[in-house]
C-alpha cells in the first residue's frame, strides 16, 4: 500500500475511533520530505478535545494493529494528546495514548491491559511538537498554529539531547540512526536548526572535521541508498565520543 493511501486510512481510522478529534498532524521523515520506506517509520500526533475513553483507546489500538501489514518495517509511531495541553505547553508533555513498533508485542498479547496503563509524560513530545511547528503537515483538522503553542528552545534541546545520551552504547547496535541523530542534535545546539536525520548528516559533512566524514557519509549512504554501513567499531566509538564532547 502506498504511503498516501496509508495516511488517508490513518485519518479515517482516527476520526472513527476518537469522538472528539481536533486534528491529525504528520511529523518525522514524511513531513521533512526524506522518507525512505526501508528505514523510516510513519510519525503522527492525534489531538483531541478530551482524553479518549478506554473504549476509544481499544478501538484505536485495534485499528493501528490492523495497519501492520501495510506500514513500513519500522511501523508507526503516534501519540494522542489533548488540545489544552498543546496550547499550554509543559515539559515533559502529558499524553493519553501512545503506540510504536516497540509496543506491538505487549499490545497484541493483552490489548486491554495495554490500553489501561498507557499514558503519562513524554519528553520526546517537545521535539515532535517543534518539528510539527517547523515542517508538520495537517492531515485533518485545525491549522497547526491554532493547536500547537511554541515550544521553548531549551525544552527542544533537552528532548533531543536525551535521545543521544547513550550514544556510545547504542552506536554499535544502530549506527546509522545514532550517527545521523548526533549530527542533527549538534546542528540544533550550534545553529538553532531543526533538521531531519538526513539533513543532519549533510550538516555534519559541512561542519565537522574531515576525519569523521567517512563515518557520516557511510551512514548517509546506508540511509538514502539502502547500502551496508561498513565502518570499524573503533571509528564509530570515536565519532560518538567526539560528538558527545560537543554538547
Protein backbone atom coordinates (compact mmCIF):
# COMPACT_ATOMS: atom_id res chain seq x y z
CA UNK A 1 0.00 0.00 0.00
CA UNK A 2 1.35 3.42 -0.96
CA UNK A 3 2.06 5.89 1.83
CA UNK A 4 -0.60 8.34 0.66
CA UNK A 5 -3.22 5.61 0.98
CA UNK A 6 -1.89 4.69 4.44
CA UNK A 7 -2.16 8.31 5.58
CA UNK A 8 -5.72 8.52 4.28
CA UNK A 9 -6.53 5.33 6.16
CA UNK A 10 -4.93 6.74 9.35
CA UNK A 11 -7.07 9.88 9.15
CA UNK A 12 -10.23 7.86 8.56
CA UNK A 13 -9.40 5.50 11.42
CA UNK A 14 -8.57 8.23 13.91
CA UNK A 15 -11.79 10.04 13.03
CA UNK A 16 -13.79 6.86 13.58
CA UNK A 17 -12.08 5.89 16.85
CA UNK A 18 -11.77 9.27 18.59
CA UNK A 19 -15.11 11.01 19.12
CA UNK A 20 -13.69 14.49 19.84
CA UNK A 21 -10.82 14.61 17.36
CA UNK A 22 -9.32 18.07 16.78
CA UNK A 23 -6.82 17.04 14.13
CA UNK A 24 -4.14 14.64 12.90
CA UNK A 25 -0.66 16.04 12.28
CA UNK A 26 2.22 14.43 10.43
CA UNK A 27 5.83 14.89 11.53
CA UNK A 28 9.08 12.94 11.08
CA UNK A 29 10.68 11.98 7.78
CA UNK A 30 7.47 12.18 5.75
CA UNK A 31 6.99 15.79 6.82
CA UNK A 32 10.66 16.61 6.17
CA UNK A 33 10.46 15.03 2.71
CA UNK A 34 13.21 12.46 3.28
CA UNK A 35 11.09 9.37 3.92
CA UNK A 36 12.57 6.01 2.89
CA UNK A 37 10.20 3.08 3.36
CA UNK A 38 13.07 0.70 4.14
CA UNK A 39 14.41 2.76 7.07
CA UNK A 40 11.65 5.19 8.11
CA UNK A 41 8.51 4.95 10.19
CA UNK A 42 5.29 6.96 9.92
CA UNK A 43 5.02 9.57 12.68
CA UNK A 44 1.88 11.45 13.64
CA UNK A 45 0.11 13.13 16.54
CA UNK A 46 -3.65 12.98 17.07
CA UNK A 47 -5.10 15.84 19.11
CA UNK A 48 -8.42 15.51 20.95
CA UNK A 49 -10.63 17.89 22.92
CA UNK A 50 -10.69 15.50 25.90
CA UNK A 51 -8.80 12.32 26.81
CA UNK A 52 -10.07 9.25 24.98
CA UNK A 53 -12.10 6.71 26.94
CA UNK A 54 -10.81 3.19 27.48
CA UNK A 55 -13.23 2.03 24.78
CA UNK A 56 -11.84 4.59 22.36
CA UNK A 57 -8.26 3.60 23.21
CA UNK A 58 -9.05 -0.04 22.49
CA UNK A 59 -10.72 0.82 19.18
CA UNK A 60 -7.72 2.96 18.23
CA UNK A 61 -5.25 0.22 19.19
CA UNK A 62 -7.16 -2.38 17.19
CA UNK A 63 -7.17 -0.05 14.20
CA UNK A 64 -3.43 0.67 14.40
CA UNK A 65 -2.60 -3.02 14.75
CA UNK A 66 -4.73 -3.71 11.67
CA UNK A 67 -2.35 -1.48 9.67
CA UNK A 68 0.68 -3.66 10.45
CA UNK A 69 0.72 -5.48 7.07
CA UNK A 70 0.65 -2.17 5.16
CA UNK A 71 3.04 0.09 7.06
CA UNK A 72 6.84 0.17 6.60
CA UNK A 73 9.06 -2.27 8.54
CA UNK A 74 9.70 0.31 11.29
CA UNK A 75 5.96 0.73 11.64
CA UNK A 76 4.02 3.63 13.12
CA UNK A 77 4.89 5.94 15.98
CA UNK A 78 1.98 8.00 17.22
CA UNK A 79 0.60 9.72 20.30
CA UNK A 80 -2.73 11.15 21.34
CA UNK A 81 -2.61 14.45 23.26
CA UNK A 82 -5.28 16.90 24.35
CA UNK A 83 -5.78 20.34 22.84
CA UNK A 84 -5.47 22.09 26.21
CA UNK A 85 -2.05 20.51 26.77
CA UNK A 86 -0.93 21.50 23.27
CA UNK A 87 -1.98 25.11 23.85
CA UNK A 88 -0.39 25.23 27.31
CA UNK A 89 2.93 23.53 26.67
CA UNK A 90 4.76 21.94 29.58
CA UNK A 91 7.84 19.74 29.60
CA UNK A 92 7.69 16.81 29.66
CA UNK A 93 4.33 16.82 27.89
CA UNK A 94 1.38 14.66 29.00
CA UNK A 95 -0.03 12.13 26.56
CA UNK A 96 -3.13 9.97 26.77
CA UNK A 97 -2.18 7.21 24.32
CA UNK A 98 0.99 6.11 22.57
CA UNK A 99 1.99 3.36 20.18
CA UNK A 100 5.17 2.42 18.34
CA UNK A 101 6.57 -0.78 16.89
CA UNK A 102 8.32 -1.50 20.18
CA UNK A 103 4.89 -1.75 21.85
CA UNK A 104 3.47 -4.27 19.39
CA UNK A 105 4.12 -7.43 21.39
CA UNK A 106 2.50 -6.30 24.67
CA UNK A 107 -0.30 -4.61 22.72
CA UNK A 108 -1.10 -7.81 20.86
CA UNK A 109 -0.71 -10.08 23.90
CA UNK A 110 -3.07 -8.15 26.18
CA UNK A 111 -4.64 -5.14 24.45
CA UNK A 112 -6.98 -4.26 27.31
CA UNK A 113 -4.13 -4.13 29.83
CA UNK A 114 -2.04 -2.10 27.38
CA UNK A 115 -4.83 0.45 26.98
CA UNK A 116 -5.38 0.69 30.74
CA UNK A 117 -1.75 1.50 31.56
CA UNK A 118 -0.77 3.65 28.56
CA UNK A 119 -0.45 7.35 29.27
CA UNK A 120 1.84 9.63 31.21
CA UNK A 121 4.59 12.14 30.41
CA UNK A 122 6.85 12.00 27.35
CA UNK A 123 9.93 14.25 26.94
CA UNK A 124 10.06 13.35 23.23
CA UNK A 125 6.90 15.35 22.58
CA UNK A 126 8.86 18.61 22.85
CA UNK A 127 10.85 17.51 19.80
CA UNK A 128 7.79 16.25 17.94
CA UNK A 129 5.87 19.48 18.53
CA UNK A 130 8.86 21.56 17.41
CA UNK A 131 9.05 19.60 14.17
CA UNK A 132 5.30 19.93 13.63
CA UNK A 133 5.53 23.71 14.01
CA UNK A 134 8.55 23.80 11.65
CA UNK A 135 7.55 21.39 8.84
CA UNK A 136 4.47 19.47 10.04
CA UNK A 137 1.54 18.64 7.79
CA UNK A 138 -2.10 18.89 8.82
CA UNK A 139 -3.73 15.68 7.62
CA UNK A 140 -7.08 16.72 9.06
CA UNK A 141 -8.33 19.38 11.43
CA UNK A 142 -7.41 22.82 12.68
CA UNK A 143 -4.29 24.59 11.37
CA UNK A 144 -1.08 23.83 13.24
CA UNK A 145 -0.65 27.35 14.63
CA UNK A 146 -4.11 27.12 16.24
CA UNK A 147 -3.27 23.88 18.02
CA UNK A 148 0.41 23.81 18.99
CA UNK A 149 1.88 26.54 21.17
CA UNK A 150 5.56 27.43 20.67
CA UNK A 151 7.99 25.07 22.39
CA UNK A 152 10.75 26.75 24.42
CA UNK A 153 14.07 26.10 22.68
CA UNK A 154 15.64 24.68 25.84
CA UNK A 155 12.84 22.11 26.07
CA UNK A 156 13.51 21.07 22.47
CA UNK A 157 17.25 20.78 23.15
CA UNK A 158 16.66 18.77 26.31
CA UNK A 159 14.36 16.44 24.40
CA UNK A 160 16.76 15.69 21.56
CA UNK A 161 19.81 15.53 23.84
CA UNK A 162 18.01 12.90 25.89
CA UNK A 163 17.77 10.81 22.71
CA UNK A 164 21.58 10.66 22.35
CA UNK A 165 22.57 10.27 26.00
CA UNK A 166 23.58 6.63 25.43
CA UNK A 167 25.16 7.20 22.01
CA UNK A 168 28.39 5.36 22.82
CA UNK A 169 26.45 2.28 23.92
CA UNK A 170 23.94 2.49 21.06
CA UNK A 171 26.16 3.30 18.07
CA UNK A 172 27.32 -0.28 17.56
CA UNK A 173 23.75 -1.58 17.73
CA UNK A 174 22.11 1.03 15.48
CA UNK A 175 24.94 3.02 13.85
CA UNK A 176 23.01 4.78 11.07
CA UNK A 177 20.37 6.21 13.37
CA UNK A 178 22.86 7.26 16.05
CA UNK A 179 25.36 8.87 13.64
CA UNK A 180 22.75 10.97 11.84
CA UNK A 181 20.91 11.78 15.04
CA UNK A 182 24.09 13.03 16.70
CA UNK A 183 24.63 15.33 13.72
CA UNK A 184 21.17 16.86 13.86
CA UNK A 185 21.39 17.34 17.62
CA UNK A 186 24.69 19.20 17.29
CA UNK A 187 23.18 21.29 14.47
CA UNK A 188 20.44 22.34 16.89
CA UNK A 189 22.95 23.16 19.62
CA UNK A 190 25.26 25.18 17.38
CA UNK A 191 22.98 26.65 14.73
CA UNK A 192 19.49 26.62 16.24
CA UNK A 193 18.45 24.33 13.39
CA UNK A 194 15.53 21.86 13.28
CA UNK A 195 16.66 19.13 10.89
CA UNK A 196 15.80 15.63 9.78
CA UNK A 197 18.34 12.82 10.19
CA UNK A 198 19.29 13.12 6.52
CA UNK A 199 19.68 16.88 6.77
CA UNK A 200 21.70 16.37 9.94
CA UNK A 201 24.11 14.13 8.06
CA UNK A 202 24.67 16.76 5.39
CA UNK A 203 25.15 19.38 8.09
CA UNK A 204 27.79 17.13 9.65
CA UNK A 205 29.70 16.84 6.37
CA UNK A 206 29.69 20.63 6.02
CA UNK A 207 30.58 21.49 9.61
CA UNK A 208 32.52 18.68 11.29
CA UNK A 209 36.22 17.73 11.00
CA UNK A 210 37.09 15.75 7.89
CA UNK A 211 38.38 12.85 9.98
CA UNK A 212 34.72 11.99 10.69
CA UNK A 213 33.38 12.45 7.16
CA UNK A 214 33.78 8.81 6.16
CA UNK A 215 31.61 7.67 9.07
CA UNK A 216 28.95 10.29 8.32
CA UNK A 217 28.92 9.62 4.56
CA UNK A 218 28.65 5.90 5.14
CA UNK A 219 25.61 6.49 7.38
CA UNK A 220 24.03 8.79 4.80
CA UNK A 221 24.57 6.22 2.04
CA UNK A 222 23.03 3.50 4.19
CA UNK A 223 20.05 5.72 4.98
CA UNK A 224 19.39 7.11 1.50
CA UNK A 225 20.56 4.26 -0.74
CA UNK A 226 19.88 1.23 1.46
CA UNK A 227 23.56 0.25 1.32
CA UNK A 228 25.51 -1.50 4.06
CA UNK A 229 27.37 0.54 6.62
CA UNK A 230 30.88 -0.87 6.79
CA UNK A 231 32.77 1.01 9.47
CA UNK A 232 35.31 -0.09 12.03
CA UNK A 233 33.94 -0.21 15.58
CA UNK A 234 36.83 1.96 16.72
CA UNK A 235 35.84 4.72 14.28
CA UNK A 236 32.20 4.54 15.34
CA UNK A 237 33.04 4.81 19.03
CA UNK A 238 35.48 7.64 18.36
CA UNK A 239 32.77 9.53 16.49
CA UNK A 240 30.28 9.04 19.32
CA UNK A 241 32.78 10.25 21.92
CA UNK A 242 33.73 13.27 19.83
CA UNK A 243 30.12 14.28 19.29
CA UNK A 244 29.14 13.89 22.94
CA UNK A 245 32.03 16.21 23.89
CA UNK A 246 30.50 18.93 21.69
CA UNK A 247 27.20 19.21 23.53
